[in-house]
Amino acid sequence: MKKFTCLIVILLIIIGGLGATEGFQELWSIIVDLENNTTPSHQSAHGLVSIEDSFFTIIVIIINGNYEKKLIKINKTTLTIDWTINIDLPYSGTNNFQLIQSPDNQLIIVDNQSIKKISTSDGSVFWSQTIDHTMAHFWQIWNINNQIVAYSNNQKFAIINHENGQIIAEHDLSVPFSQLSGRHILTSLNGVNFYFFDHCFDGDNYNTATRLTKGTLTSTLDFEEDWQIKIADEVLLKIDITTDEKIITLSDYVTPDKVITTLLRKFETNGELIWETNIVNLVPSALIVKRPSNDIFISGNNNGQATIAKYNQSGNLLWQLVHPIAHTDNYYATVCSNIFNNNNTLLLAGKAWVMPNEYPYRTHTWFSEIELLPVSNQDEIVVANNQLTSYPNPFKKQTKISLDLDQSSQVSVSVYNIKGQLVNTLADTFWSAGSQDIIWDGKNSQGQLVGPGIYFIRAKSESFSLSKKVLIIK
């Protein structure tokens, strides 16, 4: 592994050579530490844009509760950083930053309250504007008539001229459901049809739901609302659109038994559900549709291992593979963002927990390009019959973990927190084939109750590794 220094940046580079899998081959990977390994810090990438021979991302650094935000440009050929600039975004959190490409191949940076256009050549600011209503989690480029579309938490959306940042038009959505919070906006590829996704509290079995609104923008920039539906008991995570304008969503769904499951869904343009499938053994954080084939790629992590999965347009899992960075001894890793660099390579941006994973913990950002490889039989995949479930989930006091084994195995069952740190080992024993149950009482290895939040149950043997996301509530 080679080291390169650029300003205060260390790039740890892995160039190919780690072997091809059935689904993809790694072309290169780099790990970026903007603090030069001198200070315990949390570093994470937000947004990923590829323009010509470079790619760009915002890196948020948290040191002792203080936030720094940097925009970096990395040369794809040399894998070195061309420039790093400090950026001033009013919002202090880390979840809502977005970086997108403008119609003239420059950069648009947005957070909850501001929008800026930045030069790709040197990072200088063309214009900056503060929006008078809080902006939502997702912004969408509209590449017709040089315009940008933004959607806000109070169900307003704005059409903005990318050349000067001026608002051309603003429109309101109707609000038939309670306590709405704007989340995502998606446009058709021709920029005419708009799909708005809002979070509300009108679930059937749980206090959450998603409202989906479809509308059309006229040639005079008037907005006509076509229809509106409610998808009960879910929290929308990611969305994308296919070539034939089918909507792909990734969401956490709460069943009537209060069990959280992650669903991949496909909708018609009239809001009718076409199919849905459960996402297993993967905690997803990125979704992208490869057009025109309309294959679906989901990225995230499985037990701290950066993982990529491919589904076809019928919702069938074709492959689910671990990125080679997961085979190194120094990092846990997850994929946070992905974009297609060209027709057959995928750029990934992620976060890597530096080992040993001790508090105060450190995370670096990592980037990789993978080449997609043909699979001999795209309609078949071998999936083990082992299943890991928990009930109730979410839970307050305890949850029953059930493991169905297709063969007898030596199995360890452990609990990890969201940082990838081991919380407790619940079992490490030989189990016979069939159903096995174990109770987790919400305590760590010292017998202390852990705090509310997300945890991961991991069951592992020589032949399989399964994980389940659980949520402790107050």
Protein backbone atom coordinates (compact mmCIF):
# COMPACT_ATOMS: atom_id res chain seq x y z
CA MET A 1 0.00 0.00 0.00
CA LYS A 2 1.50 3.32 -1.10
CA LYS A 3 1.27 6.67 0.68
CA PHE A 4 1.01 10.06 -0.98
CA THR A 5 0.96 13.45 0.72
CA CYS A 6 -0.85 16.47 -0.68
CA LEU A 7 -1.21 19.48 1.59
CA ILE A 8 -2.59 18.00 4.84
CA VAL A 9 -3.90 14.95 3.04
CA ILE A 10 -2.72 11.36 3.17
CA LEU A 11 -3.94 9.10 0.37
CA LEU A 12 -3.58 5.38 0.94
CA ILE A 13 -3.89 3.86 -2.54
CA ILE A 14 -4.76 0.36 -3.64
CA ILE A 15 -4.55 -0.06 -7.43
CA GLY A 16 -6.35 -3.12 -8.74
CA GLY A 17 -4.64 -6.43 -8.17
CA LEU A 18 -7.15 -7.61 -5.57
CA GLY A 19 -8.83 -9.88 -8.05
CA ALA A 20 -12.12 -9.91 -9.94
CA THR A 21 -15.35 -11.30 -8.57
CA GLU A 22 -18.31 -12.55 -10.56
CA GLY A 23 -20.07 -9.20 -10.33
CA PHE A 24 -17.36 -6.52 -10.32
CA GLN A 25 -13.64 -5.87 -10.37
CA GLU A 26 -11.97 -3.17 -8.32
CA LEU A 27 -9.96 -0.76 -10.48
CA TRP A 28 -8.60 1.40 -7.64
CA SER A 29 -9.29 2.56 -4.10
CA ILE A 30 -8.00 5.50 -2.08
CA ILE A 31 -8.40 6.37 1.58
CA VAL A 32 -8.33 10.09 2.47
CA ASP A 33 -7.39 11.43 5.90
CA LEU A 34 -7.68 15.23 5.95
CA GLU A 35 -6.33 15.36 9.50
CA ASN A 36 -3.10 13.50 8.61
CA ASN A 37 -3.83 10.91 11.32
CA THR A 38 -2.90 13.41 14.06
CA THR A 39 -6.26 14.05 15.72
CA PRO A 40 -9.13 11.67 16.60
CA SER A 41 -11.82 12.82 14.19
CA HIS A 42 -14.93 11.67 12.38
CA GLN A 43 -14.68 12.25 8.61
CA SER A 44 -17.48 11.46 6.17
CA ALA A 45 -18.21 12.20 2.51
CA HIS A 46 -21.47 13.86 1.43
CA GLY A 47 -22.38 13.85 -2.23
CA LEU A 48 -20.31 12.60 -5.14
CA VAL A 49 -19.98 14.24 -8.57
CA SER A 50 -17.89 13.06 -11.53
CA ILE A 51 -17.04 15.64 -14.21
CA GLU A 52 -14.60 14.81 -17.01
CA ASP A 53 -11.27 13.72 -15.48
CA SER A 54 -12.09 14.60 -11.84
CA PHE A 55 -14.54 13.82 -9.09
CA PHE A 56 -15.70 15.99 -6.20
CA THR A 57 -17.15 15.50 -2.73
CA ILE A 58 -17.84 17.41 0.49
CA ILE A 59 -16.02 16.01 3.51
CA VAL A 60 -17.42 16.91 6.92
CA ILE A 61 -14.92 16.65 9.78
CA ILE A 62 -16.06 16.51 13.41
CA ILE A 63 -13.41 17.15 16.08
CA ASN A 64 -14.55 17.44 19.70
CA GLY A 65 -18.05 18.40 18.56
CA ASN A 66 -16.83 21.11 16.16
CA TYR A 67 -17.64 20.89 12.45
CA GLU A 68 -15.40 21.67 9.50
CA LYS A 69 -16.59 21.33 5.91
CA LYS A 70 -14.23 20.94 2.96
CA LEU A 71 -14.83 20.53 -0.76
CA ILE A 72 -12.17 18.43 -2.49
CA LYS A 73 -11.31 17.72 -6.12
CA ILE A 74 -9.53 14.45 -6.94
CA ASN A 75 -7.88 13.73 -10.29
CA LYS A 76 -9.07 10.36 -11.63
CA THR A 77 -5.84 9.71 -13.53
CA THR A 78 -3.25 10.46 -10.85
CA LEU A 79 -5.57 9.80 -7.85
CA THR A 80 -4.19 12.91 -6.18
CA ILE A 81 -6.06 15.88 -4.74
CA ASP A 82 -6.01 18.91 -7.03
CA TRP A 83 -7.41 21.29 -4.42
CA THR A 84 -9.15 21.44 -1.07
CA ILE A 85 -11.20 24.46 0.02
CA ASN A 86 -13.06 25.30 3.20
CA ILE A 87 -16.75 25.93 2.61
CA ASP A 88 -19.16 27.84 4.79
CA LEU A 89 -22.56 26.18 4.97
CA PRO A 90 -24.91 27.48 7.71
CA TYR A 91 -26.25 24.09 8.78
CA SER A 92 -24.02 22.43 11.39
CA GLY A 93 -25.18 18.84 11.00
CA THR A 94 -23.95 16.15 8.65
CA ASN A 95 -26.99 14.53 7.04
CA ASN A 96 -28.37 17.08 4.63
CA PHE A 97 -25.43 18.22 2.52
CA GLN A 98 -25.81 17.66 -1.20
CA LEU A 99 -23.40 18.17 -4.07
CA ILE A 100 -24.75 18.09 -7.62
CA GLN A 101 -23.62 18.93 -11.13
CA SER A 102 -24.97 22.04 -12.84
CA PRO A 103 -26.13 21.99 -16.48
CA ASP A 104 -22.86 23.71 -17.53
CA ASN A 105 -20.63 21.20 -15.70
CA GLN A 106 -19.93 23.26 -12.60
CA LEU A 107 -20.91 22.39 -9.01
CA ILE A 108 -24.02 23.24 -7.00
CA ILE A 109 -23.67 22.87 -3.22
CA VAL A 110 -26.75 22.87 -1.03
CA ASP A 111 -27.60 22.28 2.60
CA ASN A 112 -30.74 22.98 4.60
CA GLN A 113 -30.69 26.73 4.04
CA SER A 114 -28.23 27.84 1.35
CA ILE A 115 -27.25 27.15 -2.24
CA LYS A 116 -23.97 28.02 -3.99
CA LYS A 117 -22.51 27.56 -7.45
CA ILE A 118 -18.79 26.73 -7.43
CA SER A 119 -16.17 26.52 -10.17
CA THR A 120 -14.73 23.07 -10.88
CA SER A 121 -11.40 24.56 -11.97
CA ASP A 122 -10.39 26.34 -8.76
CA GLY A 123 -13.28 26.14 -6.26
CA SER A 124 -14.21 29.83 -6.54
CA VAL A 125 -17.83 30.84 -5.88
CA PHE A 126 -19.93 32.10 -8.81
CA TRP A 127 -22.90 33.02 -6.61
CA SER A 128 -24.41 32.24 -3.22
CA GLN A 129 -27.97 32.56 -2.00
CA THR A 130 -29.79 31.84 1.26
CA ILE A 131 -33.27 30.42 0.72
CA ASP A 132 -35.97 31.88 2.99
CA HIS A 133 -37.53 28.49 3.76
CA THR A 134 -35.65 25.51 5.16
CA MET A 135 -34.46 23.27 2.35
CA ALA A 136 -35.04 19.55 2.39
CA HIS A 137 -32.76 16.53 2.25
CA PHE A 138 -32.67 16.13 -1.52
CA TRP A 139 -32.14 18.43 -4.49
CA GLN A 140 -32.67 17.48 -8.10
CA ILE A 141 -31.06 18.92 -11.23
CA TRP A 142 -33.43 19.76 -14.04
CA ASN A 143 -31.38 20.07 -17.22
CA ILE A 144 -33.99 21.85 -19.32
CA ASN A 145 -33.75 25.62 -19.82
CA ASN A 146 -30.74 25.79 -17.46
CA GLN A 147 -32.76 25.33 -14.31
CA ILE A 148 -32.37 23.72 -10.89
CA VAL A 149 -35.29 22.43 -8.84
CA ALA A 150 -35.28 22.47 -5.02
CA TYR A 151 -37.89 21.13 -2.59
CA SER A 152 -38.37 22.37 0.97
CA ASN A 153 -39.62 21.04 4.30
CA ASN A 154 -42.77 23.17 4.14
CA GLN A 155 -43.95 21.64 0.83
CA LYS A 156 -42.66 24.46 -1.36
CA PHE A 157 -40.50 23.88 -4.38
CA ALA A 158 -38.47 26.46 -6.23
CA ILE A 159 -37.18 26.65 -9.79
CA ILE A 160 -33.80 28.40 -9.82
CA ASN A 161 -31.69 29.77 -12.67
CA HIS A 162 -28.31 28.08 -12.37
CA GLU A 163 -26.48 30.99 -14.02
CA ASN A 164 -27.29 33.59 -11.36
CA GLY A 165 -29.12 31.75 -8.57
CA GLN A 166 -32.33 33.73 -9.00
CA ILE A 167 -35.64 32.06 -8.17
CA ILE A 168 -37.77 31.89 -11.32
CA ALA A 169 -40.91 30.38 -9.81
CA GLU A 170 -42.19 28.88 -6.55
CA HIS A 171 -45.11 26.53 -5.98
CA ASP A 172 -46.91 24.90 -3.01
CA LEU A 173 -48.20 21.36 -2.70
CA SER A 174 -51.53 20.58 -1.10
CA VAL A 175 -51.26 19.15 2.42
CA PRO A 176 -53.99 16.56 3.16
CA PHE A 177 -51.97 14.59 5.73
CA SER A 178 -50.74 15.57 9.16
CA GLN A 179 -47.36 17.06 10.14
CA LEU A 180 -45.64 16.79 6.79
CA SER A 181 -41.89 17.13 6.35
CA GLY A 182 -40.50 17.44 2.81
CA ARG A 183 -37.97 14.73 2.01
CA HIS A 184 -37.19 14.04 -1.65
CA ILE A 185 -37.95 15.24 -5.14
CA LEU A 186 -37.56 13.26 -8.35
CA THR A 187 -38.08 14.43 -11.93
CA SER A 188 -38.71 12.44 -15.08
CA LEU A 189 -35.81 12.34 -17.52
CA ASN A 190 -37.55 14.92 -19.74
CA GLY A 191 -38.00 17.29 -16.78
CA VAL A 192 -41.79 17.52 -17.13
CA ASN A 193 -43.19 15.14 -14.49
CA PHE A 194 -42.34 15.70 -10.82
CA TYR A 195 -42.58 13.23 -7.93
CA PHE A 196 -42.49 14.57 -4.36
CA PHE A 197 -41.94 12.39 -1.30
CA ASP A 198 -42.90 13.66 2.17
CA HIS A 199 -42.74 12.17 5.64
CA CYS A 200 -45.96 12.30 7.66
CA PHE A 201 -47.46 10.69 10.76
CA ASP A 202 -50.50 8.89 9.37
CA GLY A 203 -49.32 5.28 9.41
CA ASP A 204 -51.74 2.39 9.82
CA ASN A 205 -49.68 0.31 12.25
CA TYR A 206 -46.96 2.76 13.25
CA ASN A 207 -46.55 6.50 13.56
CA THR A 208 -44.91 7.06 10.19
CA ALA A 209 -45.85 7.16 6.51
CA THR A 210 -44.70 8.53 3.15
CA ARG A 211 -46.84 10.74 0.94
CA LEU A 212 -46.14 10.53 -2.80
CA THR A 213 -47.36 13.39 -5.00
CA LYS A 214 -47.13 13.51 -8.78
CA GLY A 215 -47.43 16.72 -10.77
CA THR A 216 -46.61 18.29 -14.11
CA LEU A 217 -44.77 21.51 -14.91
CA THR A 218 -46.21 23.40 -17.86
CA SER A 219 -44.24 25.36 -20.46
CA THR A 220 -45.14 28.55 -18.57
CA LEU A 221 -43.71 27.05 -15.34
CA ASP A 222 -47.14 26.58 -13.76
CA PHE A 223 -47.53 23.43 -11.65
CA GLU A 224 -50.51 21.09 -11.99
CA GLU A 225 -50.92 18.40 -9.32
CA ASP A 226 -52.05 15.07 -10.81
CA TRP A 227 -52.50 12.69 -7.88
CA GLN A 228 -51.42 11.93 -4.34
CA ILE A 229 -51.13 8.65 -2.41
CA LYS A 230 -50.04 7.59 1.08
CA ILE A 231 -47.62 4.70 1.67
CA ALA A 232 -48.26 3.74 5.29
CA ASP A 233 -45.78 2.63 7.93
CA GLU A 234 -42.55 3.41 6.14
CA VAL A 235 -39.62 5.82 6.23
CA LEU A 236 -38.25 6.55 2.77
CA LEU A 237 -34.45 6.25 2.47
CA LYS A 238 -33.51 6.63 -1.23
CA ILE A 239 -35.19 7.01 -4.62
CA ASP A 240 -34.34 6.88 -8.34
CA ILE A 241 -36.15 6.58 -11.66
CA THR A 242 -35.89 4.18 -14.63
CA THR A 243 -35.71 4.99 -18.32
CA ASP A 244 -39.43 4.23 -18.75
CA GLU A 245 -40.28 6.44 -15.73
CA LYS A 246 -40.87 3.73 -13.16
CA ILE A 247 -40.06 4.86 -9.60
CA ILE A 248 -37.60 2.85 -7.50
CA THR A 249 -37.68 3.40 -3.72
CA LEU A 250 -35.67 2.08 -0.79
CA SER A 251 -37.40 2.35 2.58
CA ASP A 252 -37.63 1.02 6.11
CA TYR A 253 -41.08 -0.53 6.63
CA VAL A 254 -42.67 -1.25 10.02
CA THR A 255 -44.87 -4.36 9.95
CA PRO A 256 -48.06 -4.76 12.03
CA ASP A 257 -45.91 -6.75 14.49
CA LYS A 258 -43.63 -3.69 14.86
CA VAL A 259 -40.74 -5.36 13.01
CA ILE A 260 -38.51 -3.14 10.86
CA THR A 261 -37.65 -4.49 7.42
CA THR A 262 -35.93 -2.74 4.51
CA LEU A 263 -37.88 -2.87 1.25
CA LEU A 264 -36.92 -2.24 -2.37
CA ARG A 265 -40.01 -1.22 -4.34
CA LYS A 266 -41.00 -0.34 -7.91
CA PHE A 267 -43.99 1.91 -8.69
CA GLU A 268 -45.89 2.78 -11.86
CA THR A 269 -46.23 6.43 -12.88
CA ASN A 270 -49.78 6.33 -11.45
CA GLY A 271 -48.47 5.30 -8.02
CA GLU A 272 -49.47 1.64 -8.33
CA LEU A 273 -47.03 -0.79 -6.72
CA ILE A 274 -45.44 -3.16 -9.28
CA TRP A 275 -43.29 -5.26 -6.94
CA GLU A 276 -41.43 -5.18 -3.64
CA THR A 277 -38.61 -7.27 -2.20
CA ASN A 278 -36.91 -7.49 1.19
CA ILE A 279 -33.29 -6.36 1.52
CA VAL A 280 -31.43 -8.84 3.73
CA ASN A 281 -27.88 -8.94 5.09
CA LEU A 282 -27.26 -5.36 3.97
CA VAL A 283 -27.72 -2.03 5.72
CA PRO A 284 -28.22 0.21 2.65
CA SER A 285 -27.17 3.84 2.31
CA ALA A 286 -27.00 4.37 -1.47
CA LEU A 287 -29.26 3.51 -4.40
CA ILE A 288 -28.76 4.08 -8.11
CA VAL A 289 -30.46 2.86 -11.31
CA LYS A 290 -28.21 2.08 -14.28
CA ARG A 291 -29.88 3.37 -17.39
CA PRO A 292 -30.90 2.20 -19.99
CA SER A 293 -30.71 -1.39 -18.65
CA ASN A 294 -32.57 -0.24 -15.47
CA ASP A 295 -30.56 -2.57 -13.27
CA ILE A 296 -30.59 -1.44 -9.63
CA PHE A 297 -27.48 -1.12 -7.46
CA ILE A 298 -27.69 -0.83 -3.67
CA SER A 299 -24.63 -0.14 -1.54
CA GLY A 300 -24.03 -0.03 2.20
CA ASN A 301 -22.48 -2.37 4.74
CA ASN A 302 -22.92 -5.80 6.24
CA ASN A 303 -21.29 -6.20 9.65
CA GLY A 304 -18.85 -3.38 8.90
CA GLN A 305 -18.03 -4.73 5.44
CA ALA A 306 -18.63 -2.41 2.48
CA THR A 307 -21.14 -4.28 0.31
CA ILE A 308 -22.70 -3.77 -3.14
CA ALA A 309 -25.79 -5.60 -4.42
CA LYS A 310 -27.28 -5.75 -7.91
CA TYR A 311 -30.98 -6.31 -8.66
CA ASN A 312 -32.61 -6.59 -12.07
CA GLN A 313 -35.65 -4.53 -13.08
CA SER A 314 -37.93 -7.35 -11.90
CA GLY A 315 -36.59 -7.06 -8.34
CA ASN A 316 -34.51 -10.26 -8.41
CA LEU A 317 -31.17 -10.23 -6.59
CA LEU A 318 -28.39 -11.04 -9.08
CA TRP A 319 -25.41 -10.73 -6.75
CA GLN A 320 -24.36 -9.25 -3.43
CA LEU A 321 -20.63 -8.88 -2.91
CA VAL A 322 -18.19 -7.44 -0.41
CA HIS A 323 -15.76 -4.75 -1.57
CA PRO A 324 -12.04 -5.71 -1.23
CA ILE A 325 -11.50 -2.94 1.35
CA ALA A 326 -13.40 -5.18 3.77
CA HIS A 327 -10.61 -7.76 3.51
CA THR A 328 -7.99 -5.40 4.96
CA ASP A 329 -7.16 -5.56 8.66
CA ASN A 330 -7.23 -1.81 9.27
CA TYR A 331 -10.81 -0.78 8.50
CA TYR A 332 -14.49 -1.38 8.92
CA ALA A 333 -16.17 0.34 5.99
CA THR A 334 -19.50 1.31 4.48
CA VAL A 335 -20.56 2.83 1.16
CA CYS A 336 -22.29 6.22 1.49
CA SER A 337 -22.68 7.37 -2.15
CA ASN A 338 -22.34 5.94 -5.63
CA ILE A 339 -22.56 7.29 -9.20
CA PHE A 340 -21.83 5.87 -12.62
CA ASN A 341 -18.51 7.20 -13.96
CA ASN A 342 -19.28 5.83 -17.41
CA ASN A 343 -21.49 3.11 -18.79
CA ASN A 344 -19.80 0.24 -16.98
CA THR A 345 -17.86 1.61 -14.00
CA LEU A 346 -19.28 2.71 -10.68
CA LEU A 347 -17.68 5.32 -8.41
CA LEU A 348 -18.13 4.73 -4.68
CA ALA A 349 -17.64 7.06 -1.72
CA GLY A 350 -17.71 5.75 1.82
CA LYS A 351 -16.61 5.94 5.41
CA ALA A 352 -13.96 3.74 7.03
CA TRP A 353 -13.60 3.16 10.77
CA VAL A 354 -9.91 3.01 11.62
CA MET A 355 -8.89 -0.03 13.64
CA PRO A 356 -8.34 -0.68 16.48
CA ASN A 357 -11.81 0.73 16.91
CA GLU A 358 -11.35 2.37 20.30
CA TYR A 359 -12.86 5.57 21.68
CA PRO A 360 -12.24 8.30 20.73
CA TYR A 361 -12.75 6.59 17.40
CA ARG A 362 -11.48 7.83 14.04
CA THR A 363 -13.06 7.56 10.60
CA HIS A 364 -11.55 8.34 7.20
CA THR A 365 -13.24 8.72 3.84
CA TRP A 366 -12.56 6.24 1.07
CA PHE A 367 -13.25 6.21 -2.66
CA SER A 368 -13.17 3.45 -5.23
CA GLU A 369 -14.01 2.70 -8.83
CA ILE A 370 -15.31 -0.74 -9.76
CA GLU A 371 -15.88 -2.23 -13.18
CA LEU A 372 -19.08 -4.22 -13.61
CA LEU A 373 -18.50 -7.66 -15.09
CA PRO A 374 -20.91 -9.88 -17.00
CA VAL A 375 -22.51 -12.67 -14.98
CA SER A 376 -22.87 -16.07 -16.63
CA ASN A 377 -26.53 -16.44 -15.67
CA GLN A 378 -28.19 -13.15 -14.71
CA ASP A 379 -31.39 -14.87 -13.60
CA GLU A 380 -29.90 -17.21 -11.01
CA ILE A 381 -28.15 -16.65 -7.71
CA VAL A 382 -27.41 -19.08 -4.92
CA VAL A 383 -28.74 -17.81 -1.61
CA ALA A 384 -28.33 -19.69 1.66
CA ASN A 385 -31.46 -20.66 3.56
CA ASN A 386 -30.17 -19.36 6.90
CA GLN A 387 -32.39 -16.60 8.31
CA LEU A 388 -31.89 -14.14 11.18
CA THR A 389 -34.86 -12.28 12.70
CA SER A 390 -35.71 -10.43 15.91
CA TYR A 391 -38.98 -9.67 17.66
CA PRO A 392 -40.11 -7.22 18.86
CA ASN A 393 -38.19 -4.67 16.81
CA PRO A 394 -38.14 -1.80 17.81
CA PHE A 395 -38.03 -2.83 21.49
CA LYS A 396 -37.65 -1.29 24.93
CA LYS A 397 -36.52 -4.06 27.33
CA GLN A 398 -35.59 -7.15 25.35
CA THR A 399 -35.85 -8.78 21.93
CA LYS A 400 -35.89 -12.44 20.90
CA ILE A 401 -33.33 -13.25 18.21
CA SER A 402 -34.24 -16.25 16.07
CA LEU A 403 -31.78 -18.03 13.79
CA ASP A 404 -32.94 -20.66 11.32
CA LEU A 405 -30.05 -22.89 10.25
CA ASP A 406 -30.07 -25.12 7.19
CA GLN A 407 -27.25 -27.21 8.71
CA SER A 408 -25.53 -27.70 12.09
CA SER A 409 -22.81 -25.13 12.69
CA GLN A 410 -20.56 -23.49 15.27
CA VAL A 411 -22.20 -20.05 15.48
CA SER A 412 -21.32 -16.83 17.26
CA VAL A 413 -24.04 -14.22 17.85
CA SER A 414 -22.84 -10.72 18.73
CA VAL A 415 -24.20 -7.18 19.06
CA TYR A 416 -22.45 -4.17 17.51
CA ASN A 417 -23.22 -0.47 17.78
CA ILE A 418 -23.53 1.89 14.82
CA LYS A 419 -19.78 2.68 15.07
CA GLY A 420 -18.93 -0.98 14.47
CA GLN A 421 -17.83 -1.52 18.08
CA LEU A 422 -18.59 -4.83 19.79
CA VAL A 423 -21.27 -4.35 22.47
CA ASN A 424 -21.87 -7.92 23.65
CA THR A 425 -21.35 -11.54 22.60
CA LEU A 426 -24.61 -13.38 23.17
CA ALA A 427 -23.55 -16.88 22.09
CA ASP A 428 -20.61 -18.81 20.67
CA THR A 429 -21.65 -22.43 20.52
CA PHE A 430 -22.46 -25.41 18.30
CA TRP A 431 -26.10 -25.31 17.17
CA SER A 432 -28.07 -28.03 15.42
CA ALA A 433 -29.96 -27.38 12.19
CA GLY A 434 -33.36 -25.78 12.67
CA SER A 435 -34.64 -22.84 14.66
CA GLN A 436 -32.61 -21.45 17.57
CA ASP A 437 -33.62 -18.57 19.85
CA ILE A 438 -31.66 -16.26 22.12
CA ILE A 439 -32.72 -13.20 24.16
CA TRP A 440 -30.86 -9.90 24.20
CA ASP A 441 -31.83 -7.81 27.22
CA GLY A 442 -30.29 -4.59 25.88
CA LYS A 443 -27.13 -4.89 28.00
CA ASN A 444 -23.46 -4.72 27.08
CA SER A 445 -20.76 -7.21 28.08
CA GLN A 446 -20.45 -5.47 31.48
CA GLY A 447 -24.13 -5.99 32.25
CA GLN A 448 -25.00 -2.30 31.73
CA LEU A 449 -28.05 -1.18 29.77
CA VAL A 450 -27.08 0.48 26.49
CA GLY A 451 -28.69 3.69 25.29
CA PRO A 452 -31.50 3.96 22.74
CA GLY A 453 -30.52 3.82 19.08
CA ILE A 454 -29.63 1.46 16.23
CA TYR A 455 -27.66 -1.74 16.86
CA PHE A 456 -26.70 -4.69 14.65
CA ILE A 457 -27.08 -8.36 15.56
CA ARG A 458 -24.46 -10.46 13.81
CA ALA A 459 -24.62 -14.25 13.47
CA LYS A 460 -21.51 -15.81 11.98
CA SER A 461 -20.12 -19.24 11.19
CA GLU A 462 -17.53 -20.61 8.78
CA SER A 463 -20.16 -20.86 6.02
CA PHE A 464 -22.29 -17.73 6.49
CA SER A 465 -22.52 -14.27 8.01
CA LEU A 466 -25.92 -12.67 8.74
CA SER A 467 -26.87 -9.34 10.30
CA LYS A 468 -30.06 -7.73 11.54
CA LYS A 469 -30.68 -4.07 12.34
CA VAL A 470 -32.56 -3.51 15.61
CA LEU A 471 -33.76 -0.34 17.27
CA ILE A 472 -33.93 0.32 21.03
CA ILE A 473 -36.47 2.97 21.98
CA LYS A 474 -37.15 4.72 25.26
